[in-house]
Amino acid sequence: MKKSGITLLTDVSRVLSVFLLFLTGLLCSSVSAQGYPERPIEMTVSYSAGGGTDVIARIVAEAMSKLLGQQVIVVNRPGAGGAISVMHVVRSKPDGYSIGWFTGGPIILAPITEKNLQYKVSKDLIPVSLVQTTDQVLAARPGLKADTVPELISLAKSHPGDITMGHTGNGTAQLLAAQMLEKQGGIALNKIPYKGEANMLTDMMGGRLDMGLITASSAEPLVQSGKIKLLASGGAVRAHLFPKTPSMAESGFPKFDANSIMGIFVPAGTPKAVVEKLASVARQVVQMPEIREKLQSRGGQPVGSTPQEFGAYLVQSSEQAEKMLK
């Protein structure tokens, strides 16, 4: 039986509030982090190599490696909208040597939109630090006969179901963006799944895909070279890298917000001391001027939260996402 929006919202708030219980110490151990790490740490990334998420993860991993004195190795495990990578971390030993670099898709959206997830975020993962929020843009192949969102809506209405929009799987920001565009614009799109952003961009540049939501950092060089074009920034305000491109709010969609997050997670049961050490290192990384510059130049807004702040943010963001999906 289908749940009402209010029931789903209550479920999300109740389930994700477990984060806050953990973070106040009710569910964590007192094992010391002294001597940690003693060997390399694996950082699992939800998307394929070369995409915006992967690039940012590698920048942060390199800086963390220097502070920790051990290498943080990025391993890409794309597929199933991020579920494959999340499950890998969930099933890993909770000792701090397997961490996840996840976006809002598998963490915030999938628990709302997917009924058969093999993991429960609040039960199986611990939020360590919200590293940054990330500007997204609605991009299109140069030959698409629409240069603005209103023109896109008009084109889609005259060709229902013909305009293709890429996404990276169920429960992802890209698919949510397509669904919001359909609902708020009164159109029907042909939604095409991809393993990662890089694959989606390849088809967009090749003229095989009409459009998609991508990170601003990935879009910048391709826009400059004329390989893709932008229709709008994906949030309520203009993207840092594209100050001349109108936002979705300016394009007539004030409730459309598809900007994403990037943060660090560990398996449930990871000692509190280890969680706090990783969070401290993540905050130090974000505070480095050279790292902040790299993140901002790629469309990111550095955050570097505490575990407590990240847990509270997830609850709030889940509630907002639920409202957008109504």
C-alpha atoms as a PDB file:
ATOM      1  CA  MET A   1       0.000   0.000   0.000  1.00  0.00           C
ATOM      2  CA  LYS A   2       1.407   3.402  -0.957  1.00  0.00           C
ATOM      3  CA  LYS A   3       2.331   5.644   1.963  1.00  0.00           C
ATOM      4  CA  SER A   4       1.227   9.253   2.117  1.00  0.00           C
ATOM      5  CA  GLY A   5       3.794  12.048   1.866  1.00  0.00           C
ATOM      6  CA  ILE A   6       3.243  12.861   5.559  1.00  0.00           C
ATOM      7  CA  THR A   7       3.867   9.256   6.587  1.00  0.00           C
ATOM      8  CA  LEU A   8       7.017   9.033   4.484  1.00  0.00           C
ATOM      9  CA  LEU A   9       8.268  12.291   5.913  1.00  0.00           C
ATOM     10  CA  THR A  10       7.682  11.008   9.441  1.00  0.00           C
ATOM     11  CA  ASP A  11       9.476   7.754   8.608  1.00  0.00           C
ATOM     12  CA  VAL A  12      12.488   9.562   7.188  1.00  0.00           C
ATOM     13  CA  SER A  13      12.772  11.897  10.169  1.00  0.00           C
ATOM     14  CA  ARG A  14      12.416   9.053  12.671  1.00  0.00           C
ATOM     15  CA  VAL A  15      14.883   6.759  10.944  1.00  0.00           C
ATOM     16  CA  LEU A  16      17.550   9.363  10.271  1.00  0.00           C
ATOM     17  CA  SER A  17      17.301  10.680  13.816  1.00  0.00           C
ATOM     18  CA  VAL A  18      19.237   7.562  14.827  1.00  0.00           C
ATOM     19  CA  PHE A  19      22.263   9.458  13.506  1.00  0.00           C
ATOM     20  CA  LEU A  20      21.823  11.952  16.294  1.00  0.00           C
ATOM     21  CA  LEU A  21      21.602   9.204  18.906  1.00  0.00           C
ATOM     22  CA  PHE A  22      24.878   7.792  17.721  1.00  0.00           C
ATOM     23  CA  LEU A  23      26.532  11.150  17.613  1.00  0.00           C
ATOM     24  CA  THR A  24      25.618  11.947  21.216  1.00  0.00           C
ATOM     25  CA  GLY A  25      27.455   8.806  22.223  1.00  0.00           C
ATOM     26  CA  LEU A  26      24.563   6.409  22.870  1.00  0.00           C
ATOM     27  CA  LEU A  27      25.588   3.963  20.165  1.00  0.00           C
ATOM     28  CA  CYS A  28      29.341   4.390  19.973  1.00  0.00           C
ATOM     29  CA  SER A  29      32.280   2.646  21.569  1.00  0.00           C
ATOM     30  CA  SER A  30      35.054   4.225  23.565  1.00  0.00           C
ATOM     31  CA  VAL A  31      37.903   2.524  21.713  1.00  0.00           C
ATOM     32  CA  SER A  32      40.889   4.846  21.393  1.00  0.00           C
ATOM     33  CA  ALA A  33      42.106   6.042  17.998  1.00  0.00           C
ATOM     34  CA  GLN A  34      45.692   6.140  19.249  1.00  0.00           C
ATOM     35  CA  GLY A  35      47.913   4.671  16.556  1.00  0.00           C
ATOM     36  CA  TYR A  36      45.194   4.917  13.897  1.00  0.00           C
ATOM     37  CA  PRO A  37      45.750   4.592  11.024  1.00  0.00           C
ATOM     38  CA  GLU A  38      48.439   1.933  10.861  1.00  0.00           C
ATOM     39  CA  ARG A  39      47.876   1.050   7.194  1.00  0.00           C
ATOM     40  CA  PRO A  40      46.298   2.568   4.048  1.00  0.00           C
ATOM     41  CA  ILE A  41      42.622   3.512   4.085  1.00  0.00           C
ATOM     42  CA  GLU A  42      40.276   2.689   1.216  1.00  0.00           C
ATOM     43  CA  MET A  43      37.856   5.425   0.138  1.00  0.00           C
ATOM     44  CA  THR A  44      34.970   4.068  -1.931  1.00  0.00           C
ATOM     45  CA  VAL A  45      33.448   6.496  -4.443  1.00  0.00           C
ATOM     46  CA  SER A  46      29.955   5.949  -5.860  1.00  0.00           C
ATOM     47  CA  TYR A  47      30.725   7.135  -9.380  1.00  0.00           C
ATOM     48  CA  SER A  48      33.120   6.312 -12.187  1.00  0.00           C
ATOM     49  CA  ALA A  49      36.613   7.752 -12.545  1.00  0.00           C
ATOM     50  CA  GLY A  50      36.876  11.089 -14.301  1.00  0.00           C
ATOM     51  CA  GLY A  51      33.558  12.552 -13.169  1.00  0.00           C
ATOM     52  CA  GLY A  52      33.186  15.543 -10.878  1.00  0.00           C
ATOM     53  CA  THR A  53      32.546  13.472  -7.749  1.00  0.00           C
ATOM     54  CA  ASP A  54      35.646  11.378  -8.370  1.00  0.00           C
ATOM     55  CA  VAL A  55      37.872  14.404  -8.989  1.00  0.00           C
ATOM     56  CA  ILE A  56      36.861  16.075  -5.713  1.00  0.00           C
ATOM     57  CA  ALA A  57      37.252  12.803  -3.804  1.00  0.00           C
ATOM     58  CA  ARG A  58      40.825  12.439  -5.042  1.00  0.00           C
ATOM     59  CA  ILE A  59      41.713  16.009  -4.063  1.00  0.00           C
ATOM     60  CA  VAL A  60      40.431  15.414  -0.531  1.00  0.00           C
ATOM     61  CA  ALA A  61      41.944  11.922  -0.274  1.00  0.00           C
ATOM     62  CA  GLU A  62      45.400  13.195  -1.199  1.00  0.00           C
ATOM     63  CA  ALA A  63      45.247  15.922   1.443  1.00  0.00           C
ATOM     64  CA  MET A  64      43.933  13.500   4.070  1.00  0.00           C
ATOM     65  CA  SER A  65      46.785  11.112   3.287  1.00  0.00           C
ATOM     66  CA  LYS A  66      49.345  13.757   4.216  1.00  0.00           C
ATOM     67  CA  LEU A  67      47.659  14.556   7.522  1.00  0.00           C
ATOM     68  CA  LEU A  68      47.044  10.933   8.501  1.00  0.00           C
ATOM     69  CA  GLY A  69      50.479   9.678   7.514  1.00  0.00           C
ATOM     70  CA  GLN A  70      48.883   6.830   5.567  1.00  0.00           C
ATOM     71  CA  GLN A  71      47.621   6.724   2.008  1.00  0.00           C
ATOM     72  CA  VAL A  72      43.888   7.160   1.410  1.00  0.00           C
ATOM     73  CA  ILE A  73      43.256   5.141  -1.743  1.00  0.00           C
ATOM     74  CA  VAL A  74      40.252   6.028  -3.913  1.00  0.00           C
ATOM     75  CA  VAL A  75      38.389   3.048  -5.375  1.00  0.00           C
ATOM     76  CA  ASN A  76      35.506   3.637  -7.805  1.00  0.00           C
ATOM     77  CA  ARG A  77      32.494   1.351  -7.429  1.00  0.00           C
ATOM     78  CA  PRO A  78      29.767   2.838  -9.660  1.00  0.00           C
ATOM     79  CA  GLY A  79      26.370   1.385 -10.401  1.00  0.00           C
ATOM     80  CA  ALA A  80      22.830   1.036  -9.053  1.00  0.00           C
ATOM     81  CA  GLY A  81      22.633   4.729  -8.243  1.00  0.00           C
ATOM     82  CA  GLY A  82      25.394   4.443  -5.666  1.00  0.00           C
ATOM     83  CA  ALA A  83      23.945   1.407  -3.893  1.00  0.00           C
ATOM     84  CA  ILE A  84      26.858  -0.830  -4.892  1.00  0.00           C
ATOM     85  CA  SER A  85      29.398   1.445  -3.247  1.00  0.00           C
ATOM     86  CA  VAL A  86      27.267   1.955  -0.150  1.00  0.00           C
ATOM     87  CA  MET A  87      26.817  -1.786   0.312  1.00  0.00           C
ATOM     88  CA  HIS A  88      30.567  -2.317   0.015  1.00  0.00           C
ATOM     89  CA  VAL A  89      31.195   0.087   2.887  1.00  0.00           C
ATOM     90  CA  VAL A  90      28.288  -1.265   4.942  1.00  0.00           C
ATOM     91  CA  ARG A  91      29.721  -4.782   4.684  1.00  0.00           C
ATOM     92  CA  SER A  92      33.261  -3.679   5.511  1.00  0.00           C
ATOM     93  CA  LYS A  93      34.860  -4.154   8.908  1.00  0.00           C
ATOM     94  CA  PRO A  94      34.059  -1.110  11.081  1.00  0.00           C
ATOM     95  CA  ASP A  95      37.645  -0.272  11.919  1.00  0.00           C
ATOM     96  CA  GLY A  96      38.171   2.963   9.994  1.00  0.00           C
ATOM     97  CA  TYR A  97      40.014   1.414   7.066  1.00  0.00           C
ATOM     98  CA  SER A  98      37.016   1.431   4.729  1.00  0.00           C
ATOM     99  CA  ILE A  99      35.306   4.793   4.296  1.00  0.00           C
ATOM    100  CA  GLY A 100      32.732   6.013   1.810  1.00  0.00           C
ATOM    101  CA  TRP A 101      32.681   9.188  -0.248  1.00  0.00           C
ATOM    102  CA  PHE A 102      28.975   9.521  -0.968  1.00  0.00           C
ATOM    103  CA  THR A 103      26.604  12.074  -2.453  1.00  0.00           C
ATOM    104  CA  GLY A 104      22.997  12.750  -1.549  1.00  0.00           C
ATOM    105  CA  GLY A 105      21.633  10.247  -4.071  1.00  0.00           C
ATOM    106  CA  PRO A 106      22.170   6.974  -2.202  1.00  0.00           C
ATOM    107  CA  ILE A 107      22.097   8.636   1.225  1.00  0.00           C
ATOM    108  CA  ILE A 108      19.139  11.043   1.093  1.00  0.00           C
ATOM    109  CA  LEU A 109      17.088  10.276  -2.014  1.00  0.00           C
ATOM    110  CA  ALA A 110      17.240   6.489  -2.330  1.00  0.00           C
ATOM    111  CA  PRO A 111      15.756   5.852   1.145  1.00  0.00           C
ATOM    112  CA  ILE A 112      12.769   7.972   0.080  1.00  0.00           C
ATOM    113  CA  THR A 113      12.251   6.693  -3.464  1.00  0.00           C
ATOM    114  CA  GLU A 114      13.438   3.074  -3.346  1.00  0.00           C
ATOM    115  CA  LYS A 115      11.451   0.350  -1.588  1.00  0.00           C
ATOM    116  CA  ASN A 116      13.949  -2.498  -1.842  1.00  0.00           C
ATOM    117  CA  LEU A 117      17.251  -1.031  -0.688  1.00  0.00           C
ATOM    118  CA  GLN A 118      19.578  -3.566   0.887  1.00  0.00           C
ATOM    119  CA  TYR A 119      20.793  -1.019   3.417  1.00  0.00           C
ATOM    120  CA  LYS A 120      19.293   1.348   5.966  1.00  0.00           C
ATOM    121  CA  VAL A 121      21.340   4.515   6.106  1.00  0.00           C
ATOM    122  CA  SER A 122      20.608   5.319   9.745  1.00  0.00           C
ATOM    123  CA  LYS A 123      21.307   1.752  10.858  1.00  0.00           C
ATOM    124  CA  ASP A 124      24.259   0.806   8.679  1.00  0.00           C
ATOM    125  CA  LEU A 125      26.301   4.006   8.299  1.00  0.00           C
ATOM    126  CA  ILE A 126      27.766   6.763  10.454  1.00  0.00           C
ATOM    127  CA  PRO A 127      28.105  10.286   8.992  1.00  0.00           C
ATOM    128  CA  VAL A 128      31.629  11.621   9.530  1.00  0.00           C
ATOM    129  CA  SER A 129      31.799  15.005   7.804  1.00  0.00           C
ATOM    130  CA  LEU A 130      29.925  16.972   5.172  1.00  0.00           C
ATOM    131  CA  VAL A 131      32.907  18.067   3.090  1.00  0.00           C
ATOM    132  CA  GLN A 132      31.123  20.281   0.588  1.00  0.00           C
ATOM    133  CA  THR A 133      27.937  21.118  -1.219  1.00  0.00           C
ATOM    134  CA  THR A 134      28.230  20.990  -4.993  1.00  0.00           C
ATOM    135  CA  ASP A 135      26.752  23.173  -7.707  1.00  0.00           C
ATOM    136  CA  GLN A 136      24.939  21.276 -10.443  1.00  0.00           C
ATOM    137  CA  VAL A 137      23.953  22.535 -13.889  1.00  0.00           C
ATOM    138  CA  LEU A 138      21.372  21.460 -16.444  1.00  0.00           C
ATOM    139  CA  ALA A 139      23.463  20.811 -19.552  1.00  0.00           C
ATOM    140  CA  ALA A 140      22.521  19.837 -23.098  1.00  0.00           C
ATOM    141  CA  ARG A 141      24.072  18.817 -26.386  1.00  0.00           C
ATOM    142  CA  PRO A 142      24.833  21.868 -28.558  1.00  0.00           C
ATOM    143  CA  GLY A 143      22.383  20.794 -31.262  1.00  0.00           C
ATOM    144  CA  LEU A 144      19.339  20.663 -28.986  1.00  0.00           C
ATOM    145  CA  LYS A 145      16.802  23.227 -30.220  1.00  0.00           C
ATOM    146  CA  ALA A 146      16.470  24.893 -26.829  1.00  0.00           C
ATOM    147  CA  ASP A 147      18.820  27.355 -25.140  1.00  0.00           C
ATOM    148  CA  THR A 148      16.774  28.081 -22.025  1.00  0.00           C
ATOM    149  CA  VAL A 149      14.565  26.073 -19.696  1.00  0.00           C
ATOM    150  CA  PRO A 150      11.344  27.698 -20.982  1.00  0.00           C
ATOM    151  CA  GLU A 151      12.391  26.782 -24.536  1.00  0.00           C
ATOM    152  CA  LEU A 152      13.129  23.230 -23.340  1.00  0.00           C
ATOM    153  CA  ILE A 153       9.674  22.921 -21.790  1.00  0.00           C
ATOM    154  CA  SER A 154       8.062  24.134 -25.004  1.00  0.00           C
ATOM    155  CA  LEU A 155      10.118  21.669 -27.063  1.00  0.00           C
ATOM    156  CA  ALA A 156       9.322  18.770 -24.740  1.00  0.00           C
ATOM    157  CA  LYS A 157       5.601  19.520 -24.833  1.00  0.00           C
ATOM    158  CA  SER A 158       5.627  19.474 -28.621  1.00  0.00           C
ATOM    159  CA  HIS A 159       7.578  16.182 -28.631  1.00  0.00           C
ATOM    160  CA  PRO A 160       6.315  14.243 -25.569  1.00  0.00           C
ATOM    161  CA  GLY A 161       8.655  11.442 -24.509  1.00  0.00           C
ATOM    162  CA  ASP A 162      11.225  12.196 -27.205  1.00  0.00           C
ATOM    163  CA  ILE A 163      13.686  14.379 -25.270  1.00  0.00           C
ATOM    164  CA  THR A 164      16.282  12.197 -23.550  1.00  0.00           C
ATOM    165  CA  MET A 165      17.670  13.072 -20.118  1.00  0.00           C
ATOM    166  CA  GLY A 166      20.476  11.062 -18.566  1.00  0.00           C
ATOM    167  CA  HIS A 167      20.734  10.018 -14.934  1.00  0.00           C
ATOM    168  CA  THR A 168      22.978   7.756 -12.870  1.00  0.00           C
ATOM    169  CA  GLY A 169      20.378   5.404 -11.446  1.00  0.00           C
ATOM    170  CA  ASN A 170      17.351   5.188  -9.201  1.00  0.00           C
ATOM    171  CA  GLY A 171      17.448   7.408  -6.148  1.00  0.00           C
ATOM    172  CA  THR A 172      20.065   9.797  -7.559  1.00  0.00           C
ATOM    173  CA  ALA A 173      20.027  13.582  -7.832  1.00  0.00           C
ATOM    174  CA  GLN A 174      20.030  13.293 -11.627  1.00  0.00           C
ATOM    175  CA  LEU A 175      16.889  11.168 -11.685  1.00  0.00           C
ATOM    176  CA  LEU A 176      15.232  13.380  -9.086  1.00  0.00           C
ATOM    177  CA  ALA A 177      16.012  16.378 -11.305  1.00  0.00           C
ATOM    178  CA  ALA A 178      14.351  14.685 -14.275  1.00  0.00           C
ATOM    179  CA  GLN A 179      11.307  13.793 -12.198  1.00  0.00           C
ATOM    180  CA  MET A 180      11.019  17.327 -10.798  1.00  0.00           C
ATOM    181  CA  LEU A 181      11.353  18.780 -14.292  1.00  0.00           C
ATOM    182  CA  GLU A 182       8.592  16.493 -15.552  1.00  0.00           C
ATOM    183  CA  LYS A 183       6.275  17.228 -12.645  1.00  0.00           C
ATOM    184  CA  GLN A 184       6.874  20.960 -12.353  1.00  0.00           C
ATOM    185  CA  GLY A 185       7.046  21.532 -16.112  1.00  0.00           C
ATOM    186  CA  GLY A 186       4.174  19.282 -17.098  1.00  0.00           C
ATOM    187  CA  ILE A 187       6.291  17.314 -19.578  1.00  0.00           C
ATOM    188  CA  ALA A 188       7.348  13.733 -20.281  1.00  0.00           C
ATOM    189  CA  LEU A 189      11.029  12.866 -20.750  1.00  0.00           C
ATOM    190  CA  ASN A 190      12.810   9.721 -21.898  1.00  0.00           C
ATOM    191  CA  LYS A 191      15.036   9.052 -18.869  1.00  0.00           C
ATOM    192  CA  ILE A 192      18.219   7.111 -19.714  1.00  0.00           C
ATOM    193  CA  PRO A 193      20.328   5.444 -16.957  1.00  0.00           C
ATOM    194  CA  TYR A 194      24.146   5.625 -16.953  1.00  0.00           C
ATOM    195  CA  LYS A 195      26.832   4.190 -14.693  1.00  0.00           C
ATOM    196  CA  GLY A 196      28.373   7.590 -14.091  1.00  0.00           C
ATOM    197  CA  GLU A 197      28.556  11.224 -15.054  1.00  0.00           C
ATOM    198  CA  ALA A 198      31.547  10.711 -17.351  1.00  0.00           C
ATOM    199  CA  ASN A 199      29.588   8.180 -19.428  1.00  0.00           C
ATOM    200  CA  MET A 200      26.635  10.540 -19.611  1.00  0.00           C
ATOM    201  CA  LEU A 201      28.818  13.408 -20.800  1.00  0.00           C
ATOM    202  CA  THR A 202      30.386  11.239 -23.495  1.00  0.00           C
ATOM    203  CA  ASP A 203      26.978  10.566 -25.032  1.00  0.00           C
ATOM    204  CA  MET A 204      25.909  14.193 -24.635  1.00  0.00           C
ATOM    205  CA  MET A 205      28.995  15.422 -26.478  1.00  0.00           C
ATOM    206  CA  GLY A 206      28.440  12.775 -29.128  1.00  0.00           C
ATOM    207  CA  GLY A 207      24.870  13.911 -29.731  1.00  0.00           C
ATOM    208  CA  ARG A 208      23.368  10.652 -28.455  1.00  0.00           C
ATOM    209  CA  LEU A 209      21.883  12.219 -25.311  1.00  0.00           C
ATOM    210  CA  ASP A 210      19.892  15.442 -25.238  1.00  0.00           C
ATOM    211  CA  MET A 211      20.605  16.637 -21.718  1.00  0.00           C
ATOM    212  CA  GLY A 212      21.407  15.843 -18.114  1.00  0.00           C
ATOM    213  CA  LEU A 213      22.200  17.268 -14.697  1.00  0.00           C
ATOM    214  CA  ILE A 214      25.976  17.359 -14.148  1.00  0.00           C
ATOM    215  CA  THR A 215      28.415  18.933 -11.723  1.00  0.00           C
ATOM    216  CA  ALA A 216      29.478  22.470 -12.583  1.00  0.00           C
ATOM    217  CA  SER A 217      33.148  21.486 -12.464  1.00  0.00           C
ATOM    218  CA  SER A 218      32.684  18.809 -15.117  1.00  0.00           C
ATOM    219  CA  ALA A 219      30.711  21.203 -17.285  1.00  0.00           C
ATOM    220  CA  GLU A 220      33.131  24.136 -17.222  1.00  0.00           C
ATOM    221  CA  PRO A 221      35.793  22.983 -19.733  1.00  0.00           C
ATOM    222  CA  LEU A 222      33.175  21.417 -21.999  1.00  0.00           C
ATOM    223  CA  VAL A 223      31.103  24.594 -22.077  1.00  0.00           C
ATOM    224  CA  GLN A 224      34.190  26.681 -22.824  1.00  0.00           C
ATOM    225  CA  SER A 225      35.108  24.390 -25.721  1.00  0.00           C
ATOM    226  CA  GLY A 226      31.553  24.359 -27.075  1.00  0.00           C
ATOM    227  CA  LYS A 227      31.091  20.615 -26.586  1.00  0.00           C
ATOM    228  CA  ILE A 228      27.988  21.120 -24.439  1.00  0.00           C
ATOM    229  CA  LYS A 229      25.786  24.082 -23.530  1.00  0.00           C
ATOM    230  CA  LEU A 230      24.001  25.135 -20.353  1.00  0.00           C
ATOM    231  CA  LEU A 231      20.292  25.705 -19.909  1.00  0.00           C
ATOM    232  CA  ALA A 232      20.386  26.692 -16.220  1.00  0.00           C
ATOM    233  CA  SER A 233      22.131  26.264 -12.887  1.00  0.00           C
ATOM    234  CA  GLY A 234      20.590  23.418 -10.911  1.00  0.00           C
ATOM    235  CA  GLY A 235      19.738  25.302  -7.732  1.00  0.00           C
ATOM    236  CA  ALA A 236      17.916  28.318  -6.408  1.00  0.00           C
ATOM    237  CA  VAL A 237      20.915  30.590  -7.049  1.00  0.00           C
ATOM    238  CA  ARG A 238      23.444  30.828  -9.853  1.00  0.00           C
ATOM    239  CA  ALA A 239      26.420  28.465  -9.831  1.00  0.00           C
ATOM    240  CA  HIS A 240      29.741  29.931  -8.684  1.00  0.00           C
ATOM    241  CA  LEU A 241      31.455  28.875 -11.926  1.00  0.00           C
ATOM    242  CA  PHE A 242      28.671  30.190 -14.178  1.00  0.00           C
ATOM    243  CA  PRO A 243      27.526  33.574 -12.835  1.00  0.00           C
ATOM    244  CA  LYS A 244      25.929  34.494 -16.175  1.00  0.00           C
ATOM    245  CA  THR A 245      23.788  31.348 -16.382  1.00  0.00           C
ATOM    246  CA  PRO A 246      20.303  31.784 -14.849  1.00  0.00           C
ATOM    247  CA  SER A 247      19.249  29.562 -11.984  1.00  0.00           C
ATOM    248  CA  MET A 248      16.270  27.230 -12.168  1.00  0.00           C
ATOM    249  CA  ALA A 249      14.411  29.667  -9.916  1.00  0.00           C
ATOM    250  CA  GLU A 250      15.053  32.465 -12.396  1.00  0.00           C
ATOM    251  CA  SER A 251      13.921  30.128 -15.172  1.00  0.00           C
ATOM    252  CA  GLY A 252      10.477  29.736 -13.653  1.00  0.00           C
ATOM    253  CA  PHE A 253      11.096  26.802 -11.299  1.00  0.00           C
ATOM    254  CA  PRO A 254      11.389  28.220  -7.753  1.00  0.00           C
ATOM    255  CA  LYS A 255      10.919  24.792  -6.122  1.00  0.00           C
ATOM    256  CA  PHE A 256      13.602  23.094  -8.224  1.00  0.00           C
ATOM    257  CA  ASP A 257      16.851  22.470  -6.313  1.00  0.00           C
ATOM    258  CA  ALA A 258      19.160  19.676  -7.448  1.00  0.00           C
ATOM    259  CA  ASN A 259      22.480  20.795  -5.974  1.00  0.00           C
ATOM    260  CA  SER A 260      24.234  17.938  -4.209  1.00  0.00           C
ATOM    261  CA  ILE A 261      26.454  17.106  -1.263  1.00  0.00           C
ATOM    262  CA  MET A 262      29.678  15.186  -0.877  1.00  0.00           C
ATOM    263  CA  GLY A 263      30.568  13.679   2.468  1.00  0.00           C
ATOM    264  CA  ILE A 264      32.454  10.954   4.292  1.00  0.00           C
ATOM    265  CA  PHE A 265      30.773   7.950   5.935  1.00  0.00           C
ATOM    266  CA  VAL A 266      31.967   4.848   7.798  1.00  0.00           C
ATOM    267  CA  PRO A 267      30.257   1.546   8.649  1.00  0.00           C
ATOM    268  CA  ALA A 268      28.086   1.404  11.755  1.00  0.00           C
ATOM    269  CA  GLY A 269      30.085   0.178  14.729  1.00  0.00           C
ATOM    270  CA  THR A 270      33.193   2.179  13.892  1.00  0.00           C
ATOM    271  CA  PRO A 271      34.712   3.418  17.185  1.00  0.00           C
ATOM    272  CA  LYS A 272      33.756   6.970  18.098  1.00  0.00           C
ATOM    273  CA  ALA A 273      37.404   7.960  18.482  1.00  0.00           C
ATOM    274  CA  VAL A 274      38.109   6.878  14.904  1.00  0.00           C
ATOM    275  CA  VAL A 275      35.050   8.743  13.629  1.00  0.00           C
ATOM    276  CA  GLU A 276      36.150  11.892  15.431  1.00  0.00           C
ATOM    277  CA  LYS A 277      39.701  11.616  14.116  1.00  0.00           C
ATOM    278  CA  LEU A 278      38.519  11.255  10.526  1.00  0.00           C
ATOM    279  CA  ALA A 279      36.134  14.176  10.997  1.00  0.00           C
ATOM    280  CA  SER A 280      38.900  16.324  12.452  1.00  0.00           C
ATOM    281  CA  VAL A 281      41.182  15.544   9.522  1.00  0.00           C
ATOM    282  CA  ALA A 282      38.396  16.297   7.027  1.00  0.00           C
ATOM    283  CA  ARG A 283      37.819  19.678   8.671  1.00  0.00           C
ATOM    284  CA  GLN A 284      41.531  20.464   8.568  1.00  0.00           C
ATOM    285  CA  VAL A 285      41.625  19.595   4.876  1.00  0.00           C
ATOM    286  CA  VAL A 286      38.702  21.885   4.069  1.00  0.00           C
ATOM    287  CA  GLN A 287      40.367  24.737   5.960  1.00  0.00           C
ATOM    288  CA  MET A 288      43.536  24.538   3.844  1.00  0.00           C
ATOM    289  CA  PRO A 289      43.569  27.587   1.512  1.00  0.00           C
ATOM    290  CA  GLU A 290      44.859  25.578  -1.443  1.00  0.00           C
ATOM    291  CA  ILE A 291      42.169  22.913  -0.985  1.00  0.00           C
ATOM    292  CA  ARG A 292      39.400  25.486  -0.600  1.00  0.00           C
ATOM    293  CA  GLU A 293      40.545  27.111  -3.826  1.00  0.00           C
ATOM    294  CA  LYS A 294      40.502  23.764  -5.634  1.00  0.00           C
ATOM    295  CA  LEU A 295      37.021  22.927  -4.369  1.00  0.00           C
ATOM    296  CA  GLN A 296      35.595  26.347  -5.198  1.00  0.00           C
ATOM    297  CA  SER A 297      37.189  26.384  -8.636  1.00  0.00           C
ATOM    298  CA  ARG A 298      35.316  23.143  -9.332  1.00  0.00           C
ATOM    299  CA  GLY A 299      31.939  24.443  -8.263  1.00  0.00           C
ATOM    300  CA  GLY A 300      32.046  23.368  -4.635  1.00  0.00           C
ATOM    301  CA  GLN A 301      31.201  25.225  -1.463  1.00  0.00           C
ATOM    302  CA  PRO A 302      33.533  23.878   1.283  1.00  0.00           C
ATOM    303  CA  VAL A 303      31.865  22.969   4.597  1.00  0.00           C
ATOM    304  CA  GLY A 304      33.900  20.600   6.801  1.00  0.00           C
ATOM    305  CA  SER A 305      31.212  19.787   9.358  1.00  0.00           C
ATOM    306  CA  THR A 306      31.380  17.822  12.579  1.00  0.00           C
ATOM    307  CA  PRO A 307      29.626  14.421  12.722  1.00  0.00           C
ATOM    308  CA  GLN A 308      26.874  16.019  14.808  1.00  0.00           C
ATOM    309  CA  GLU A 309      26.307  18.793  12.284  1.00  0.00           C
ATOM    310  CA  PHE A 310      26.305  16.327   9.399  1.00  0.00           C
ATOM    311  CA  GLY A 311      23.721  14.123  11.089  1.00  0.00           C
ATOM    312  CA  ALA A 312      21.407  17.070  11.665  1.00  0.00           C
ATOM    313  CA  TYR A 313      21.914  18.240   8.076  1.00  0.00           C
ATOM    314  CA  LEU A 314      20.903  14.830   6.726  1.00  0.00           C
ATOM    315  CA  VAL A 315      17.653  14.873   8.671  1.00  0.00           C
ATOM    316  CA  GLN A 316      16.785  18.355   7.407  1.00  0.00           C
ATOM    317  CA  SER A 317      17.770  17.582   3.804  1.00  0.00           C
ATOM    318  CA  SER A 318      15.714  14.389   3.795  1.00  0.00           C
ATOM    319  CA  GLU A 319      12.653  16.314   4.916  1.00  0.00           C
ATOM    320  CA  GLN A 320      13.190  18.892   2.170  1.00  0.00           C
ATOM    321  CA  ALA A 321      13.664  16.191  -0.481  1.00  0.00           C
ATOM    322  CA  GLU A 322      10.452  14.509   0.614  1.00  0.00           C
ATOM    323  CA  LYS A 323       8.569  17.778   0.158  1.00  0.00           C
ATOM    324  CA  MET A 324       9.998  18.247  -3.350  1.00  0.00           C
ATOM    325  CA  LEU A 325       8.848  14.764  -4.342  1.00  0.00           C
ATOM    326  CA  LYS A 326       5.236  15.383  -3.334  1.00  0.00           C
END
